[in-house]
Amino acid sequence: MPEGLGTIDVVARLQQRADSLSRSERKIANILMEEMDFTVSASIVELADRATVSPPTVTRFCHRLGCKNFADFKLSLARSAFVGARFYREERRARAPRDIADNIIAKAQSALFVLNETLDYQALEASARTVARGSAVYAFGAGGTSTIIAQELQNRLFRLGLTVIPSSDHTMQLMMAAAAGPDDVIVASSVSGRNDELARALSVARDNGVPSIALTKPDTMVAEAAARTIAIDIAEGDDVRRPSSARYAFLAVVDILAHLVALMRQDQASETLRRIKRQLVTHRDEDDRQIMGD
């Protein structure tokens, strides 16, 4: 099926076909990558003048990238400009290992500070009570960080005597939400809050009277679909190569939630933890002061 006007990822095409460009076409490519704003707004004559080539060369360049004409090229470029070029542009940022480590750690500390200042602790306590009473806990998440958070919820909560079922598959989440009962609880994670399939599963749970908690950005589709939200809103920087620091905040919320649940289920949690530790001391550790699990 032919691509419609403006649907081509110009930046990706440029990277794929860079080696086959002529000398004149490389001049246009350099202008495109280095002066994206100018290229988006320029006329064909202005772009040709800036690259010191002829307008027909610009047209051939557009065809080389799969665009029908210069207008199609500009439309495609405008649609991908804000997310495309910065992934390839060489940026003047720290490269030394120590400088990178300082930056990563500082961003993690900043994320945790913002979290501590903005957390709704009443919502957190109420969520912990819901989880502590749950017959089964369904931990939903999809994508990178949210999948890890679902797994971490299982890792933190099973040792407190809870039955925890994690899922990162949207179809399974939908079916589990439909099968869950009012004594169960769903804890869903979404960093962006714009996961419509996760929101659909939460809506199904809500319609069926199943308690649900969302760890996500406030005022998003996931937040609105859940019965209760623990809002986590951590701004990301503009360095696309640096891993997201938001996941530190999500992990901290899981730890806080788990600790509250442990206090609320103190007798059962302590007995389950004791049994786990007994096996670890018997088969792995020299004493009971080692970490519980690797």
Protein backbone atom coordinates (compact mmCIF):
# COMPACT_ATOMS: atom_id res chain seq x y z
CA MET A 1 0.00 0.00 0.00
CA PRO A 2 1.54 3.37 -1.00
CA GLU A 3 2.35 5.80 1.75
CA GLY A 4 0.15 8.88 2.04
CA LEU A 5 1.33 12.45 2.02
CA GLY A 6 3.46 13.32 5.00
CA THR A 7 3.65 9.77 6.39
CA ILE A 8 7.34 9.11 5.68
CA ASP A 9 9.86 9.24 8.53
CA VAL A 10 12.28 11.55 6.75
CA VAL A 11 14.99 11.37 9.41
CA ALA A 12 15.01 7.56 9.39
CA ARG A 13 15.10 7.45 5.59
CA LEU A 14 17.99 9.89 5.60
CA GLN A 15 19.98 7.70 7.97
CA GLN A 16 19.24 4.57 5.92
CA ARG A 17 20.26 6.12 2.60
CA ALA A 18 23.09 8.40 3.71
CA ASP A 19 25.78 6.37 1.93
CA SER A 20 23.99 6.62 -1.42
CA LEU A 21 23.59 10.39 -1.43
CA SER A 22 25.51 12.48 -3.91
CA ARG A 23 27.84 15.23 -2.77
CA SER A 24 25.19 17.88 -3.43
CA GLU A 25 22.53 15.83 -1.64
CA ARG A 26 24.79 15.49 1.39
CA LYS A 27 24.90 19.28 1.60
CA ILE A 28 21.10 19.33 1.82
CA ALA A 29 21.18 16.53 4.39
CA ASN A 30 23.61 18.49 6.56
CA ILE A 31 21.33 21.53 6.47
CA LEU A 32 18.36 19.34 7.37
CA MET A 33 20.04 17.81 10.42
CA GLU A 34 21.80 20.94 11.66
CA GLU A 35 19.09 23.50 10.91
CA MET A 36 15.84 21.60 11.27
CA ASP A 37 13.69 24.65 12.05
CA PHE A 38 14.98 26.48 8.99
CA THR A 39 14.42 23.48 6.72
CA VAL A 40 10.83 23.04 7.89
CA SER A 41 9.95 26.66 7.09
CA ALA A 42 12.17 27.28 4.04
CA SER A 43 11.03 27.42 0.42
CA ILE A 44 12.72 25.18 -2.12
CA VAL A 45 14.73 28.15 -3.38
CA GLU A 46 15.81 29.16 0.14
CA LEU A 47 16.91 25.61 0.97
CA ALA A 48 18.80 25.33 -2.32
CA ASP A 49 20.58 28.64 -1.68
CA ARG A 50 21.52 27.65 1.88
CA ALA A 51 22.97 24.33 0.65
CA THR A 52 24.56 25.99 -2.42
CA VAL A 53 22.79 23.60 -4.80
CA SER A 54 20.09 24.02 -7.44
CA PRO A 55 16.32 23.64 -6.78
CA PRO A 56 16.17 20.55 -9.06
CA THR A 57 18.81 18.95 -6.81
CA VAL A 58 16.54 19.58 -3.83
CA THR A 59 13.69 17.90 -5.72
CA ARG A 60 15.84 14.88 -6.49
CA PHE A 61 16.84 14.74 -2.82
CA CYS A 62 13.14 14.64 -1.86
CA HIS A 63 12.52 11.80 -4.33
CA ARG A 64 15.55 9.94 -2.94
CA LEU A 65 13.84 9.93 0.46
CA GLY A 66 10.60 8.60 -1.03
CA CYS A 67 8.68 11.87 -1.01
CA LYS A 68 6.42 12.77 -3.94
CA ASN A 69 7.62 16.37 -4.09
CA PHE A 70 9.05 19.18 -1.97
CA ALA A 71 5.70 19.88 -0.31
CA ASP A 72 5.38 16.22 0.71
CA PHE A 73 8.98 16.34 1.99
CA LYS A 74 8.24 19.39 4.18
CA LEU A 75 5.06 17.86 5.57
CA SER A 76 6.85 14.64 6.48
CA LEU A 77 9.76 16.56 7.98
CA ALA A 78 7.47 18.75 10.08
CA ARG A 79 5.76 15.66 11.53
CA SER A 80 9.00 14.01 12.60
CA ALA A 81 11.20 17.02 13.34
CA PHE A 82 10.59 17.32 17.06
CA VAL A 83 11.39 13.66 17.76
CA GLY A 84 13.74 12.75 14.95
CA ALA A 85 16.78 14.92 14.61
CA ARG A 86 17.77 15.17 18.27
CA PHE A 87 18.37 11.41 18.39
CA TYR A 88 21.10 11.76 15.77
CA ARG A 89 22.48 15.23 16.42
CA GLU A 90 25.84 15.35 18.13
CA GLU A 91 25.39 17.12 21.46
CA ARG A 92 27.93 18.67 23.76
CA ARG A 93 27.30 16.70 26.91
CA ALA A 94 29.39 14.99 29.54
CA ARG A 95 31.16 11.89 28.25
CA ALA A 96 33.59 10.99 31.05
CA PRO A 97 32.35 8.05 33.19
CA ARG A 98 32.52 10.06 36.43
CA ASP A 99 30.59 12.99 34.91
CA ILE A 100 27.94 10.64 33.54
CA ALA A 101 27.68 8.89 36.92
CA ASP A 102 27.30 12.24 38.69
CA ASN A 103 24.51 13.20 36.29
CA ILE A 104 22.63 9.91 36.63
CA ILE A 105 22.83 9.96 40.43
CA ALA A 106 21.83 13.63 40.61
CA LYS A 107 18.77 12.95 38.42
CA ALA A 108 17.79 9.98 40.59
CA GLN A 109 18.11 12.10 43.75
CA SER A 110 16.07 14.87 42.13
CA ALA A 111 13.33 12.41 41.14
CA LEU A 112 13.11 11.09 44.70
CA PHE A 113 13.07 14.61 46.15
CA VAL A 114 10.21 15.67 43.84
CA LEU A 115 8.36 12.47 44.73
CA ASN A 116 8.71 13.10 48.45
CA GLU A 117 7.39 16.64 48.05
CA THR A 118 4.40 15.72 45.87
CA LEU A 119 3.17 12.32 47.11
CA ASP A 120 -0.40 12.11 48.37
CA TYR A 121 0.27 10.16 51.54
CA GLN A 122 -3.42 9.72 52.35
CA ALA A 123 -3.96 8.06 48.96
CA LEU A 124 -0.87 5.95 49.58
CA GLU A 125 -2.11 4.77 52.98
CA ALA A 126 -5.58 4.03 51.63
CA SER A 127 -4.03 2.08 48.75
CA ALA A 128 -1.92 0.07 51.17
CA ARG A 129 -5.04 -0.88 53.15
CA THR A 130 -6.74 -2.03 49.96
CA VAL A 131 -3.74 -4.15 48.98
CA ALA A 132 -3.34 -5.57 52.49
CA ARG A 133 -6.94 -6.85 52.41
CA GLY A 134 -6.71 -8.24 48.89
CA SER A 135 -7.42 -11.91 48.29
CA ALA A 136 -5.24 -11.70 45.18
CA VAL A 137 -3.18 -8.81 43.84
CA TYR A 138 -2.95 -8.38 40.07
CA ALA A 139 0.09 -6.29 39.12
CA PHE A 140 -0.32 -4.80 35.64
CA GLY A 141 2.29 -2.97 33.58
CA ALA A 142 3.50 -2.88 29.98
CA GLY A 143 6.48 -1.37 28.24
CA GLY A 144 9.89 -0.89 29.84
CA THR A 145 9.60 0.67 33.30
CA SER A 146 6.01 -0.40 33.95
CA THR A 147 6.80 -4.07 33.26
CA ILE A 148 9.62 -3.86 35.79
CA ILE A 149 7.29 -2.21 38.31
CA ALA A 150 4.73 -5.02 37.92
CA GLN A 151 7.46 -7.57 38.56
CA GLU A 152 8.74 -5.56 41.52
CA LEU A 153 5.27 -5.47 43.04
CA GLN A 154 5.29 -9.27 42.95
CA ASN A 155 8.81 -9.33 44.39
CA ARG A 156 7.86 -7.04 47.29
CA LEU A 157 4.40 -8.36 48.13
CA PHE A 158 4.57 -12.16 47.87
CA ARG A 159 6.93 -12.26 50.86
CA LEU A 160 4.23 -10.59 52.94
CA GLY A 161 1.92 -13.58 52.44
CA LEU A 162 -0.02 -12.12 49.51
CA THR A 163 -0.85 -13.91 46.27
CA VAL A 164 0.51 -11.66 43.50
CA ILE A 165 -0.05 -12.23 39.79
CA PRO A 166 1.94 -9.93 37.49
CA SER A 167 1.09 -9.39 33.83
CA SER A 168 2.61 -7.30 31.05
CA ASP A 169 0.30 -8.68 28.33
CA HIS A 170 -2.68 -6.45 27.53
CA THR A 171 -4.98 -9.29 26.50
CA MET A 172 -4.22 -11.17 29.72
CA GLN A 173 -4.78 -7.97 31.70
CA LEU A 174 -8.19 -7.53 30.12
CA MET A 175 -9.17 -11.14 30.88
CA MET A 176 -7.81 -10.98 34.43
CA ALA A 177 -9.70 -7.74 35.07
CA ALA A 178 -12.89 -9.42 33.85
CA ALA A 179 -12.28 -12.51 35.99
CA ALA A 180 -11.25 -10.71 39.20
CA GLY A 181 -13.67 -10.35 42.07
CA PRO A 182 -14.42 -7.59 44.58
CA ASP A 183 -12.05 -9.14 47.13
CA ASP A 184 -9.13 -8.87 44.70
CA VAL A 185 -7.17 -5.73 43.83
CA ILE A 186 -5.43 -4.53 40.69
CA VAL A 187 -2.32 -2.36 40.95
CA ALA A 188 -1.43 -0.89 37.56
CA SER A 189 1.66 1.05 36.55
CA SER A 190 2.01 3.47 33.64
CA VAL A 191 4.75 6.10 33.47
CA SER A 192 3.01 8.09 30.74
CA GLY A 193 -0.59 7.44 31.76
CA ARG A 194 -1.50 7.24 28.08
CA ASN A 195 -1.78 3.45 27.78
CA ASP A 196 -5.31 3.04 26.40
CA GLU A 197 -5.31 -0.78 26.65
CA LEU A 198 -4.33 -0.65 30.30
CA ALA A 199 -7.00 1.98 30.88
CA ARG A 200 -9.53 -0.34 29.23
CA ALA A 201 -8.64 -3.18 31.63
CA LEU A 202 -8.97 -0.82 34.59
CA SER A 203 -12.36 0.36 33.34
CA VAL A 204 -13.55 -3.25 33.14
CA ALA A 205 -12.36 -3.84 36.70
CA ARG A 206 -14.11 -0.72 37.91
CA ASP A 207 -17.38 -1.69 36.21
CA ASN A 208 -17.17 -5.08 37.96
CA GLY A 209 -16.54 -3.55 41.38
CA VAL A 210 -12.89 -4.69 41.55
CA PRO A 211 -10.67 -2.27 43.54
CA SER A 212 -7.91 -0.78 41.39
CA ILE A 213 -4.93 1.46 42.04
CA ALA A 214 -2.90 3.25 39.38
CA LEU A 215 0.68 4.37 39.82
CA THR A 216 0.81 6.97 37.06
CA LYS A 217 0.71 10.61 36.03
CA PRO A 218 -2.31 12.53 37.27
CA ASP A 219 -5.07 13.67 34.90
CA THR A 220 -4.40 10.95 32.34
CA MET A 221 -6.57 8.18 30.90
CA VAL A 222 -5.02 5.56 33.18
CA ALA A 223 -5.49 7.76 36.26
CA GLU A 224 -9.13 8.39 35.35
CA ALA A 225 -9.84 4.70 34.71
CA ALA A 226 -8.57 3.52 38.11
CA ALA A 227 -10.59 3.67 41.31
CA ARG A 228 -7.65 5.32 43.08
CA THR A 229 -4.44 6.95 41.85
CA ILE A 230 -1.04 7.38 43.43
CA ALA A 231 0.18 10.28 41.31
CA ILE A 232 3.81 10.17 40.16
CA ASP A 233 4.82 13.00 37.85
CA ILE A 234 8.56 13.28 37.24
CA ALA A 235 9.72 15.59 34.46
CA GLU A 236 12.34 14.16 32.11
CA GLY A 237 15.27 16.11 30.71
CA ASP A 238 16.00 16.60 27.03
CA ASP A 239 18.96 14.20 26.84
CA VAL A 240 17.46 11.31 24.88
CA ARG A 241 20.48 9.08 25.63
CA ARG A 242 20.13 9.25 29.41
CA PRO A 243 17.93 6.56 30.96
CA SER A 244 14.71 7.80 32.52
CA SER A 245 14.95 8.79 36.16
CA ALA A 246 11.18 8.39 36.70
CA ARG A 247 11.60 4.69 37.41
CA TYR A 248 13.45 5.48 40.64
CA ALA A 249 10.33 7.28 41.84
CA PHE A 250 8.10 4.35 40.83
CA LEU A 251 10.37 1.88 42.63
CA ALA A 252 10.33 4.08 45.74
CA VAL A 253 6.52 4.12 45.72
CA VAL A 254 6.47 0.32 45.49
CA ASP A 255 8.83 0.11 48.48
CA ILE A 256 6.74 2.57 50.53
CA LEU A 257 3.56 0.73 49.62
CA ALA A 258 5.10 -2.63 50.51
CA HIS A 259 6.36 -1.38 53.87
CA LEU A 260 2.93 0.00 54.76
CA VAL A 261 1.31 -3.29 53.74
CA ALA A 262 3.83 -5.20 55.87
CA LEU A 263 2.87 -3.13 58.91
CA MET A 264 -0.83 -3.64 58.23
CA ARG A 265 -0.35 -7.41 57.87
CA GLN A 266 2.23 -7.57 60.63
CA ASP A 267 1.57 -11.05 62.04
CA GLN A 268 1.14 -12.83 58.71
CA ALA A 269 3.92 -10.85 57.03
CA SER A 270 6.37 -11.56 59.84
CA GLU A 271 5.62 -15.28 59.79
CA THR A 272 6.00 -15.50 55.99
CA LEU A 273 9.26 -13.54 56.10
CA ARG A 274 10.53 -15.81 58.91
CA ARG A 275 9.82 -18.94 56.86
CA ILE A 276 11.57 -17.49 53.82
CA LYS A 277 14.58 -16.42 55.88
CA ARG A 278 14.79 -19.86 57.49
CA GLN A 279 15.22 -21.47 54.08
CA LEU A 280 17.81 -18.90 53.02
CA VAL A 281 19.84 -19.38 56.20
CA THR A 282 19.61 -23.17 55.82
CA HIS A 283 20.66 -23.30 52.19
CA ARG A 284 22.59 -20.11 51.43
CA ASP A 285 23.44 -17.66 54.23
CA GLU A 286 25.64 -18.02 57.30
CA ASP A 287 23.27 -15.93 59.42
CA ASP A 288 19.94 -14.13 59.13
CA ARG A 289 21.39 -10.67 58.53
CA GLN A 290 21.99 -11.18 54.80
CA ILE A 291 19.72 -9.62 52.21
CA MET A 292 16.47 -11.52 51.64
CA GLY A 293 16.83 -12.56 48.01
CA ASP A 294 19.42 -11.63 45.43
